Amino acid sequence: MNKLYGIIGYPIGHSMSPLMHNDAFLQLGLNGYYHAFNVREDQLKETIAAFRVLNVSGFNVTIPHKVSIMKYLDEVDVEAKQIGAVNTVVNVDGRLIGYNTDGKGYLKSLLEVIVKPLEESTVLVIGAGGAARGVVSALMNYGVAQLMIANRTDEKATQIKNDYGQKNIEVISFEEAESNIGVFDILINTTSVGMSPNIENIPLSVEKIKQNVVLSDLIYNPLKTRWLQLGEEKGAIIHNGVGMFVEQGALAFQKWTGLNPDTKKMKEIVLKQLGGSSC
């Protein structure tokens, strides 16, 4: 009998996770099936209760449930608590345990493209939402020389800074970020600015970036945002969100099964669906 896995979110019809995970089950010869569940916010409590009855082996969590899911779980991993969101749930003998693989997935993909060691790099994170928290958590746990956060409003960015209480995190304005953009080794956009259909928008000017800066955008639709295009023209190393999507999924798969899927094949599936090639 196949073990049941899935993803909950609303809306969820666009998700590429079922294609990616079901192929991985097939490749590894596992009796697993992954399904996308369209779950409204007012259906979350009943859905988790149903998952317990059905003994669902594990599932991913996406917008808008990453925070609200936490109160329905039996245990939440330390890092997920620190981030304040869960994207992966594992059923261990009937107990639902929440994790967050977003930050580690992002970090793994980022490390593949950087030239300068992260421990020596000055990093700018644009945005202070849930995605930013995951990225900041992974970067700080790994180690960076200096990390700065720029957000439209200071409150959320300051909260992230306070949560870590480390001297090498600083909150700066967009104006400060743009006027000092030449000092950054890595710039990371964690916002939705530039996502389809608003593809002409950019989160921050890249006019004065230095050569070989890494320009990283968590967006993968389009695969190469206008921001990445402009950065590439200036000599930046560009990095989109496909790697993060694949790696966070692979980490979730490993937590469910104890096996490592073929991330190269997973990436090929995602890129085929998106109709292009990665940066």
C-alpha atoms as a PDB file:
ATOM      1  CA  MET A   1       0.000   0.000   0.000  1.00  0.00           C
ATOM      2  CA  ASN A   2       1.307   3.408  -0.995  1.00  0.00           C
ATOM      3  CA  LYS A   3       2.220   5.868   1.732  1.00  0.00           C
ATOM      4  CA  LEU A   4       0.435   9.189   1.303  1.00  0.00           C
ATOM      5  CA  TYR A   5       2.305  12.508   1.236  1.00  0.00           C
ATOM      6  CA  GLY A   6       1.255  15.917   0.041  1.00  0.00           C
ATOM      7  CA  ILE A   7       1.261  19.680   0.201  1.00  0.00           C
ATOM      8  CA  ILE A   8      -1.377  21.974   1.695  1.00  0.00           C
ATOM      9  CA  GLY A   9      -1.934  25.558   0.610  1.00  0.00           C
ATOM     10  CA  TYR A  10      -4.436  27.917  -0.986  1.00  0.00           C
ATOM     11  CA  PRO A  11      -4.472  28.204  -3.921  1.00  0.00           C
ATOM     12  CA  ILE A  12      -2.357  25.156  -4.730  1.00  0.00           C
ATOM     13  CA  GLY A  13      -3.177  24.222  -8.344  1.00  0.00           C
ATOM     14  CA  HIS A  14       0.069  25.768  -9.623  1.00  0.00           C
ATOM     15  CA  SER A  15       2.322  23.655  -7.386  1.00  0.00           C
ATOM     16  CA  MET A  16       5.115  21.696  -9.071  1.00  0.00           C
ATOM     17  CA  SER A  17       5.805  19.692  -5.903  1.00  0.00           C
ATOM     18  CA  PRO A  18       3.655  16.665  -6.895  1.00  0.00           C
ATOM     19  CA  LEU A  19       5.540  16.192 -10.168  1.00  0.00           C
ATOM     20  CA  MET A  20       8.885  16.544  -8.421  1.00  0.00           C
ATOM     21  CA  HIS A  21       8.171  14.230  -5.492  1.00  0.00           C
ATOM     22  CA  ASN A  22       6.213  11.550  -7.344  1.00  0.00           C
ATOM     23  CA  ASP A  23       9.057  11.198  -9.822  1.00  0.00           C
ATOM     24  CA  ALA A  24      11.501  10.849  -6.905  1.00  0.00           C
ATOM     25  CA  PHE A  25       9.352   8.073  -5.381  1.00  0.00           C
ATOM     26  CA  LEU A  26       9.367   6.322  -8.749  1.00  0.00           C
ATOM     27  CA  GLN A  27      13.120   6.713  -9.266  1.00  0.00           C
ATOM     28  CA  LEU A  28      13.889   5.295  -5.812  1.00  0.00           C
ATOM     29  CA  GLY A  29      11.319   2.486  -6.057  1.00  0.00           C
ATOM     30  CA  LEU A  30       9.326   3.710  -3.068  1.00  0.00           C
ATOM     31  CA  ASN A  31       5.625   3.091  -2.493  1.00  0.00           C
ATOM     32  CA  GLY A  32       4.727   6.725  -2.042  1.00  0.00           C
ATOM     33  CA  TYR A  33       2.203   9.096  -3.579  1.00  0.00           C
ATOM     34  CA  TYR A  34       2.261  12.899  -3.231  1.00  0.00           C
ATOM     35  CA  HIS A  35      -0.896  14.963  -3.716  1.00  0.00           C
ATOM     36  CA  ALA A  36      -1.679  18.698  -3.680  1.00  0.00           C
ATOM     37  CA  PHE A  37      -4.475  19.553  -1.222  1.00  0.00           C
ATOM     38  CA  ASN A  38      -6.309  22.852  -1.751  1.00  0.00           C
ATOM     39  CA  VAL A  39      -6.975  23.928   1.852  1.00  0.00           C
ATOM     40  CA  ARG A  40      -8.547  27.245   2.820  1.00  0.00           C
ATOM     41  CA  GLU A  41      -7.554  28.902   6.090  1.00  0.00           C
ATOM     42  CA  ASP A  42     -10.870  27.969   7.715  1.00  0.00           C
ATOM     43  CA  GLN A  43     -10.307  24.310   6.749  1.00  0.00           C
ATOM     44  CA  LEU A  44      -6.848  23.896   8.258  1.00  0.00           C
ATOM     45  CA  LYS A  45      -7.824  22.454  11.649  1.00  0.00           C
ATOM     46  CA  GLU A  46     -10.156  19.853  10.112  1.00  0.00           C
ATOM     47  CA  THR A  47      -7.578  18.982   7.438  1.00  0.00           C
ATOM     48  CA  ILE A  48      -4.885  18.188   9.994  1.00  0.00           C
ATOM     49  CA  ALA A  49      -7.369  16.096  11.979  1.00  0.00           C
ATOM     50  CA  ALA A  50      -8.193  14.188   8.773  1.00  0.00           C
ATOM     51  CA  PHE A  51      -4.483  13.702   8.015  1.00  0.00           C
ATOM     52  CA  ARG A  52      -4.095  12.099  11.446  1.00  0.00           C
ATOM     53  CA  VAL A  53      -6.978   9.705  10.764  1.00  0.00           C
ATOM     54  CA  LEU A  54      -5.585   8.840   7.323  1.00  0.00           C
ATOM     55  CA  ASN A  55      -2.091   8.451   8.807  1.00  0.00           C
ATOM     56  CA  VAL A  56      -0.536  10.722   6.171  1.00  0.00           C
ATOM     57  CA  SER A  57       3.204  10.048   6.314  1.00  0.00           C
ATOM     58  CA  GLY A  58       4.335  13.621   5.716  1.00  0.00           C
ATOM     59  CA  PHE A  59       3.422  16.843   3.982  1.00  0.00           C
ATOM     60  CA  ASN A  60       4.657  20.236   2.907  1.00  0.00           C
ATOM     61  CA  VAL A  61       3.021  23.482   3.968  1.00  0.00           C
ATOM     62  CA  THR A  62       2.849  26.624   1.862  1.00  0.00           C
ATOM     63  CA  ILE A  63       1.029  29.969   1.812  1.00  0.00           C
ATOM     64  CA  PRO A  64      -1.067  30.844   3.789  1.00  0.00           C
ATOM     65  CA  HIS A  65      -0.534  28.111   6.414  1.00  0.00           C
ATOM     66  CA  LYS A  66       3.174  28.191   7.320  1.00  0.00           C
ATOM     67  CA  VAL A  67       2.596  30.006  10.609  1.00  0.00           C
ATOM     68  CA  SER A  68      -0.908  28.864  11.577  1.00  0.00           C
ATOM     69  CA  ILE A  69      -0.018  25.169  11.105  1.00  0.00           C
ATOM     70  CA  MET A  70       2.270  25.298  14.137  1.00  0.00           C
ATOM     71  CA  LYS A  71      -0.531  25.224  16.703  1.00  0.00           C
ATOM     72  CA  TYR A  72      -1.890  21.956  15.296  1.00  0.00           C
ATOM     73  CA  LEU A  73       1.399  20.047  15.531  1.00  0.00           C
ATOM     74  CA  ASP A  74       2.706  17.897  18.371  1.00  0.00           C
ATOM     75  CA  GLU A  75       6.238  19.272  18.151  1.00  0.00           C
ATOM     76  CA  VAL A  76       8.098  22.008  16.273  1.00  0.00           C
ATOM     77  CA  ASP A  77      11.814  21.854  15.534  1.00  0.00           C
ATOM     78  CA  VAL A  78      14.050  24.478  17.193  1.00  0.00           C
ATOM     79  CA  GLU A  79      15.026  26.163  13.915  1.00  0.00           C
ATOM     80  CA  ALA A  80      11.414  26.267  12.707  1.00  0.00           C
ATOM     81  CA  LYS A  81      10.473  27.955  16.006  1.00  0.00           C
ATOM     82  CA  GLN A  82      13.273  30.468  15.486  1.00  0.00           C
ATOM     83  CA  ILE A  83      12.074  31.194  11.961  1.00  0.00           C
ATOM     84  CA  GLY A  84       8.462  31.257  13.117  1.00  0.00           C
ATOM     85  CA  ALA A  85       7.171  29.071  10.295  1.00  0.00           C
ATOM     86  CA  VAL A  86       6.881  25.423   9.240  1.00  0.00           C
ATOM     87  CA  ASN A  87       7.054  24.150   5.660  1.00  0.00           C
ATOM     88  CA  THR A  88       7.549  20.408   6.283  1.00  0.00           C
ATOM     89  CA  VAL A  89       5.693  18.016   8.594  1.00  0.00           C
ATOM     90  CA  VAL A  90       6.777  14.459   9.383  1.00  0.00           C
ATOM     91  CA  ASN A  91       4.494  11.834  10.913  1.00  0.00           C
ATOM     92  CA  VAL A  92       6.533   9.886  13.486  1.00  0.00           C
ATOM     93  CA  ASP A  93       4.417   7.130  15.020  1.00  0.00           C
ATOM     94  CA  GLY A  94       1.334   9.323  14.935  1.00  0.00           C
ATOM     95  CA  ARG A  95       3.061  12.481  16.185  1.00  0.00           C
ATOM     96  CA  LEU A  96       3.223  15.374  13.732  1.00  0.00           C
ATOM     97  CA  ILE A  97       6.579  17.155  13.889  1.00  0.00           C
ATOM     98  CA  GLY A  98       7.184  20.444  12.067  1.00  0.00           C
ATOM     99  CA  TYR A  99      10.382  21.587  10.388  1.00  0.00           C
ATOM    100  CA  ASN A 100      11.485  24.395   8.114  1.00  0.00           C
ATOM    101  CA  THR A 101      13.680  23.363   5.181  1.00  0.00           C
ATOM    102  CA  ASP A 102      13.390  26.658   3.280  1.00  0.00           C
ATOM    103  CA  GLY A 103      16.462  28.342   4.747  1.00  0.00           C
ATOM    104  CA  LYS A 104      18.748  25.315   4.522  1.00  0.00           C
ATOM    105  CA  GLY A 105      17.479  24.611   1.007  1.00  0.00           C
ATOM    106  CA  TYR A 106      18.247  28.171  -0.014  1.00  0.00           C
ATOM    107  CA  LEU A 107      21.696  28.088   1.579  1.00  0.00           C
ATOM    108  CA  LYS A 108      22.601  24.853  -0.197  1.00  0.00           C
ATOM    109  CA  SER A 109      21.719  26.362  -3.564  1.00  0.00           C
ATOM    110  CA  LEU A 110      23.526  29.634  -2.779  1.00  0.00           C
ATOM    111  CA  LEU A 111      26.762  27.888  -1.803  1.00  0.00           C
ATOM    112  CA  GLU A 112      26.919  26.420  -5.311  1.00  0.00           C
ATOM    113  CA  VAL A 113      27.352  29.844  -6.933  1.00  0.00           C
ATOM    114  CA  ILE A 114      29.290  32.063  -4.520  1.00  0.00           C
ATOM    115  CA  VAL A 115      32.958  32.823  -5.137  1.00  0.00           C
ATOM    116  CA  LYS A 116      33.918  34.601  -1.917  1.00  0.00           C
ATOM    117  CA  PRO A 117      33.507  32.521   1.283  1.00  0.00           C
ATOM    118  CA  LEU A 118      30.269  33.330   3.076  1.00  0.00           C
ATOM    119  CA  GLU A 119      32.153  33.845   6.339  1.00  0.00           C
ATOM    120  CA  GLU A 120      33.987  36.766   4.681  1.00  0.00           C
ATOM    121  CA  SER A 121      30.989  38.234   2.866  1.00  0.00           C
ATOM    122  CA  THR A 122      28.814  41.259   3.487  1.00  0.00           C
ATOM    123  CA  VAL A 123      25.232  40.308   2.678  1.00  0.00           C
ATOM    124  CA  LEU A 124      22.120  42.395   2.051  1.00  0.00           C
ATOM    125  CA  VAL A 125      18.724  40.766   2.547  1.00  0.00           C
ATOM    126  CA  ILE A 126      15.856  42.670   0.936  1.00  0.00           C
ATOM    127  CA  GLY A 127      12.554  42.113   2.736  1.00  0.00           C
ATOM    128  CA  ALA A 128      11.630  40.947   6.223  1.00  0.00           C
ATOM    129  CA  GLY A 129       8.777  38.486   5.740  1.00  0.00           C
ATOM    130  CA  GLY A 130       8.682  34.728   6.284  1.00  0.00           C
ATOM    131  CA  ALA A 131      11.055  33.972   3.415  1.00  0.00           C
ATOM    132  CA  ALA A 132      13.560  36.494   4.760  1.00  0.00           C
ATOM    133  CA  ARG A 133      13.437  34.904   8.213  1.00  0.00           C
ATOM    134  CA  GLY A 134      14.303  31.514   6.744  1.00  0.00           C
ATOM    135  CA  VAL A 135      17.188  32.946   4.738  1.00  0.00           C
ATOM    136  CA  VAL A 136      18.558  34.969   7.665  1.00  0.00           C
ATOM    137  CA  SER A 137      18.358  31.952   9.973  1.00  0.00           C
ATOM    138  CA  ALA A 138      20.346  29.782   7.564  1.00  0.00           C
ATOM    139  CA  LEU A 139      22.949  32.473   6.909  1.00  0.00           C
ATOM    140  CA  MET A 140      23.482  33.292  10.577  1.00  0.00           C
ATOM    141  CA  ASN A 141      23.714  29.637  11.571  1.00  0.00           C
ATOM    142  CA  TYR A 142      26.287  29.074   8.834  1.00  0.00           C
ATOM    143  CA  GLY A 143      28.210  32.275   9.523  1.00  0.00           C
ATOM    144  CA  VAL A 144      28.550  35.571   7.641  1.00  0.00           C
ATOM    145  CA  ALA A 145      30.854  38.530   8.188  1.00  0.00           C
ATOM    146  CA  GLN A 146      28.063  41.114   8.088  1.00  0.00           C
ATOM    147  CA  LEU A 147      24.357  40.890   7.338  1.00  0.00           C
ATOM    148  CA  MET A 148      22.116  43.861   6.640  1.00  0.00           C
ATOM    149  CA  ILE A 149      18.346  43.862   6.217  1.00  0.00           C
ATOM    150  CA  ALA A 150      16.467  46.457   4.179  1.00  0.00           C
ATOM    151  CA  ASN A 151      12.668  46.543   4.350  1.00  0.00           C
ATOM    152  CA  ARG A 152       9.987  49.090   3.479  1.00  0.00           C
ATOM    153  CA  THR A 153       9.209  49.411   7.182  1.00  0.00           C
ATOM    154  CA  ASP A 154      11.688  48.918  10.008  1.00  0.00           C
ATOM    155  CA  GLU A 155       9.470  47.004  12.441  1.00  0.00           C
ATOM    156  CA  LYS A 156       9.733  43.484  10.964  1.00  0.00           C
ATOM    157  CA  ALA A 157      13.403  43.897  10.075  1.00  0.00           C
ATOM    158  CA  THR A 158      14.202  45.092  13.599  1.00  0.00           C
ATOM    159  CA  GLN A 159      12.333  42.106  15.022  1.00  0.00           C
ATOM    160  CA  ILE A 160      14.546  39.729  13.021  1.00  0.00           C
ATOM    161  CA  LYS A 161      17.638  41.567  14.260  1.00  0.00           C
ATOM    162  CA  ASN A 162      16.426  41.388  17.864  1.00  0.00           C
ATOM    163  CA  ASP A 163      15.630  37.690  17.572  1.00  0.00           C
ATOM    164  CA  TYR A 164      19.292  36.975  16.879  1.00  0.00           C
ATOM    165  CA  GLY A 165      20.805  39.693  19.037  1.00  0.00           C
ATOM    166  CA  GLN A 166      24.105  39.532  17.174  1.00  0.00           C
ATOM    167  CA  LYS A 167      26.256  42.537  16.438  1.00  0.00           C
ATOM    168  CA  ASN A 168      26.830  41.601  12.811  1.00  0.00           C
ATOM    169  CA  ILE A 169      23.160  42.160  11.869  1.00  0.00           C
ATOM    170  CA  GLU A 170      22.071  45.674  10.992  1.00  0.00           C
ATOM    171  CA  VAL A 171      18.810  47.182   9.761  1.00  0.00           C
ATOM    172  CA  ILE A 172      19.190  49.821   7.067  1.00  0.00           C
ATOM    173  CA  SER A 173      16.842  51.842   4.866  1.00  0.00           C
ATOM    174  CA  PHE A 174      16.439  51.291   1.123  1.00  0.00           C
ATOM    175  CA  GLU A 175      18.160  54.627   0.565  1.00  0.00           C
ATOM    176  CA  GLU A 176      21.167  53.507   2.630  1.00  0.00           C
ATOM    177  CA  ALA A 177      21.230  50.186   0.815  1.00  0.00           C
ATOM    178  CA  GLU A 178      21.277  51.823  -2.605  1.00  0.00           C
ATOM    179  CA  SER A 179      23.868  54.461  -1.692  1.00  0.00           C
ATOM    180  CA  ASN A 180      26.179  51.774  -0.246  1.00  0.00           C
ATOM    181  CA  ILE A 181      25.371  49.009  -2.687  1.00  0.00           C
ATOM    182  CA  GLY A 182      29.004  48.695  -3.767  1.00  0.00           C
ATOM    183  CA  VAL A 183      30.013  47.192  -0.387  1.00  0.00           C
ATOM    184  CA  PHE A 184      27.829  44.093  -0.712  1.00  0.00           C
ATOM    185  CA  ASP A 185      29.173  40.742  -1.861  1.00  0.00           C
ATOM    186  CA  ILE A 186      25.727  39.122  -1.969  1.00  0.00           C
ATOM    187  CA  LEU A 187      22.310  40.738  -2.477  1.00  0.00           C
ATOM    188  CA  ILE A 188      19.232  38.620  -1.820  1.00  0.00           C
ATOM    189  CA  ASN A 189      15.686  39.562  -2.801  1.00  0.00           C
ATOM    190  CA  THR A 190      13.202  37.714  -0.583  1.00  0.00           C
ATOM    191  CA  THR A 191      10.191  39.808  -1.663  1.00  0.00           C
ATOM    192  CA  SER A 192       7.703  39.167  -4.474  1.00  0.00           C
ATOM    193  CA  VAL A 193       8.789  42.303  -6.353  1.00  0.00           C
ATOM    194  CA  GLY A 194       9.421  41.313  -9.967  1.00  0.00           C
ATOM    195  CA  MET A 195       7.292  38.166  -9.883  1.00  0.00           C
ATOM    196  CA  SER A 196       4.953  37.474 -12.794  1.00  0.00           C
ATOM    197  CA  PRO A 197       2.842  39.301 -13.897  1.00  0.00           C
ATOM    198  CA  ASN A 198       4.646  42.435 -12.602  1.00  0.00           C
ATOM    199  CA  ILE A 199       7.878  41.469 -14.305  1.00  0.00           C
ATOM    200  CA  GLU A 200       9.224  44.981 -14.927  1.00  0.00           C
ATOM    201  CA  ASN A 201       9.458  45.859 -11.219  1.00  0.00           C
ATOM    202  CA  ILE A 202      12.758  45.633  -9.367  1.00  0.00           C
ATOM    203  CA  PRO A 203      13.324  45.606  -5.568  1.00  0.00           C
ATOM    204  CA  LEU A 204      16.462  47.773  -5.566  1.00  0.00           C
ATOM    205  CA  SER A 205      18.673  49.574  -8.073  1.00  0.00           C
ATOM    206  CA  VAL A 206      21.758  47.630  -9.161  1.00  0.00           C
ATOM    207  CA  GLU A 207      23.314  50.551 -11.004  1.00  0.00           C
ATOM    208  CA  LYS A 208      26.401  50.726  -8.761  1.00  0.00           C
ATOM    209  CA  ILE A 209      26.966  47.085  -7.767  1.00  0.00           C
ATOM    210  CA  LYS A 210      30.531  45.801  -7.806  1.00  0.00           C
ATOM    211  CA  GLN A 211      31.844  43.214 -10.243  1.00  0.00           C
ATOM    212  CA  ASN A 212      31.185  39.562  -9.371  1.00  0.00           C
ATOM    213  CA  VAL A 213      28.610  40.410  -6.735  1.00  0.00           C
ATOM    214  CA  VAL A 214      26.111  37.568  -6.325  1.00  0.00           C
ATOM    215  CA  LEU A 215      22.596  38.731  -7.128  1.00  0.00           C
ATOM    216  CA  SER A 216      20.139  36.210  -5.712  1.00  0.00           C
ATOM    217  CA  ASP A 217      16.374  36.315  -6.263  1.00  0.00           C
ATOM    218  CA  LEU A 218      14.044  33.834  -4.544  1.00  0.00           C
ATOM    219  CA  ILE A 219      11.588  34.277  -7.424  1.00  0.00           C
ATOM    220  CA  TYR A 220      11.562  31.620 -10.157  1.00  0.00           C
ATOM    221  CA  ASN A 221       8.650  32.880 -12.250  1.00  0.00           C
ATOM    222  CA  PRO A 222      10.065  34.379 -14.396  1.00  0.00           C
ATOM    223  CA  LEU A 223      13.279  32.358 -14.225  1.00  0.00           C
ATOM    224  CA  LYS A 224      15.314  35.495 -14.866  1.00  0.00           C
ATOM    225  CA  THR A 225      13.656  38.525 -13.310  1.00  0.00           C
ATOM    226  CA  ARG A 226      14.272  42.035 -14.605  1.00  0.00           C
ATOM    227  CA  TRP A 227      16.460  42.569 -11.520  1.00  0.00           C
ATOM    228  CA  LEU A 228      18.644  39.593 -12.449  1.00  0.00           C
ATOM    229  CA  GLN A 229      18.799  40.720 -16.070  1.00  0.00           C
ATOM    230  CA  LEU A 230      20.029  44.181 -15.066  1.00  0.00           C
ATOM    231  CA  GLY A 231      22.537  42.668 -12.650  1.00  0.00           C
ATOM    232  CA  GLU A 232      23.874  40.281 -15.275  1.00  0.00           C
ATOM    233  CA  GLU A 233      24.460  43.229 -17.613  1.00  0.00           C
ATOM    234  CA  LYS A 234      26.566  44.793 -14.849  1.00  0.00           C
ATOM    235  CA  GLY A 235      28.686  41.661 -14.427  1.00  0.00           C
ATOM    236  CA  ALA A 236      26.879  40.078 -11.485  1.00  0.00           C
ATOM    237  CA  ILE A 237      26.688  36.349 -10.814  1.00  0.00           C
ATOM    238  CA  ILE A 238      22.950  35.667 -10.885  1.00  0.00           C
ATOM    239  CA  HIS A 239      20.994  33.071  -8.923  1.00  0.00           C
ATOM    240  CA  ASN A 240      17.234  32.449  -9.074  1.00  0.00           C
ATOM    241  CA  GLY A 241      14.801  30.627  -6.794  1.00  0.00           C
ATOM    242  CA  VAL A 242      14.714  27.273  -8.603  1.00  0.00           C
ATOM    243  CA  GLY A 243      17.608  25.894  -6.567  1.00  0.00           C
ATOM    244  CA  MET A 244      15.939  26.827  -3.285  1.00  0.00           C
ATOM    245  CA  PHE A 245      12.648  25.236  -4.362  1.00  0.00           C
ATOM    246  CA  VAL A 246      14.368  22.005  -5.351  1.00  0.00           C
ATOM    247  CA  GLU A 247      16.697  21.805  -2.348  1.00  0.00           C
ATOM    248  CA  GLN A 248      13.998  22.534   0.251  1.00  0.00           C
ATOM    249  CA  GLY A 249      11.914  19.809  -1.387  1.00  0.00           C
ATOM    250  CA  ALA A 250      14.824  17.374  -1.349  1.00  0.00           C
ATOM    251  CA  LEU A 251      15.431  18.048   2.364  1.00  0.00           C
ATOM    252  CA  ALA A 252      11.743  17.419   3.088  1.00  0.00           C
ATOM    253  CA  PHE A 253      11.880  14.173   1.083  1.00  0.00           C
ATOM    254  CA  GLN A 254      14.909  13.061   3.092  1.00  0.00           C
ATOM    255  CA  LYS A 255      13.108  13.759   6.371  1.00  0.00           C
ATOM    256  CA  TRP A 256      10.128  11.664   5.242  1.00  0.00           C
ATOM    257  CA  THR A 257      11.999   8.703   3.762  1.00  0.00           C
ATOM    258  CA  GLY A 258      15.582   8.784   5.038  1.00  0.00           C
ATOM    259  CA  LEU A 259      16.727   8.788   1.392  1.00  0.00           C
ATOM    260  CA  ASN A 260      18.255  11.531  -0.748  1.00  0.00           C
ATOM    261  CA  PRO A 261      16.467  12.137  -4.057  1.00  0.00           C
ATOM    262  CA  ASP A 262      18.244  13.061  -7.291  1.00  0.00           C
ATOM    263  CA  THR A 263      18.181  16.876  -7.102  1.00  0.00           C
ATOM    264  CA  LYS A 264      19.481  17.176 -10.657  1.00  0.00           C
ATOM    265  CA  LYS A 265      16.441  15.268 -11.937  1.00  0.00           C
ATOM    266  CA  MET A 266      14.133  17.285  -9.673  1.00  0.00           C
ATOM    267  CA  LYS A 267      15.563  20.496 -11.094  1.00  0.00           C
ATOM    268  CA  GLU A 268      15.089  19.271 -14.667  1.00  0.00           C
ATOM    269  CA  ILE A 269      11.397  18.575 -13.940  1.00  0.00           C
ATOM    270  CA  VAL A 270      10.865  22.051 -12.486  1.00  0.00           C
ATOM    271  CA  LEU A 271      12.679  23.787 -15.336  1.00  0.00           C
ATOM    272  CA  LYS A 272      10.695  21.825 -17.918  1.00  0.00           C
ATOM    273  CA  GLN A 273       7.470  22.972 -16.270  1.00  0.00           C
ATOM    274  CA  LEU A 274       8.693  26.553 -16.228  1.00  0.00           C
ATOM    275  CA  GLY A 275       9.754  26.348 -19.849  1.00  0.00           C
ATOM    276  CA  GLY A 276      13.361  27.417 -19.551  1.00  0.00           C
ATOM    277  CA  SER A 277      16.797  26.856 -18.116  1.00  0.00           C
ATOM    278  CA  SER A 278      18.239  27.957 -14.804  1.00  0.00           C
ATOM    279  CA  CYS A 279      20.545  30.931 -14.385  1.00  0.00           C
END
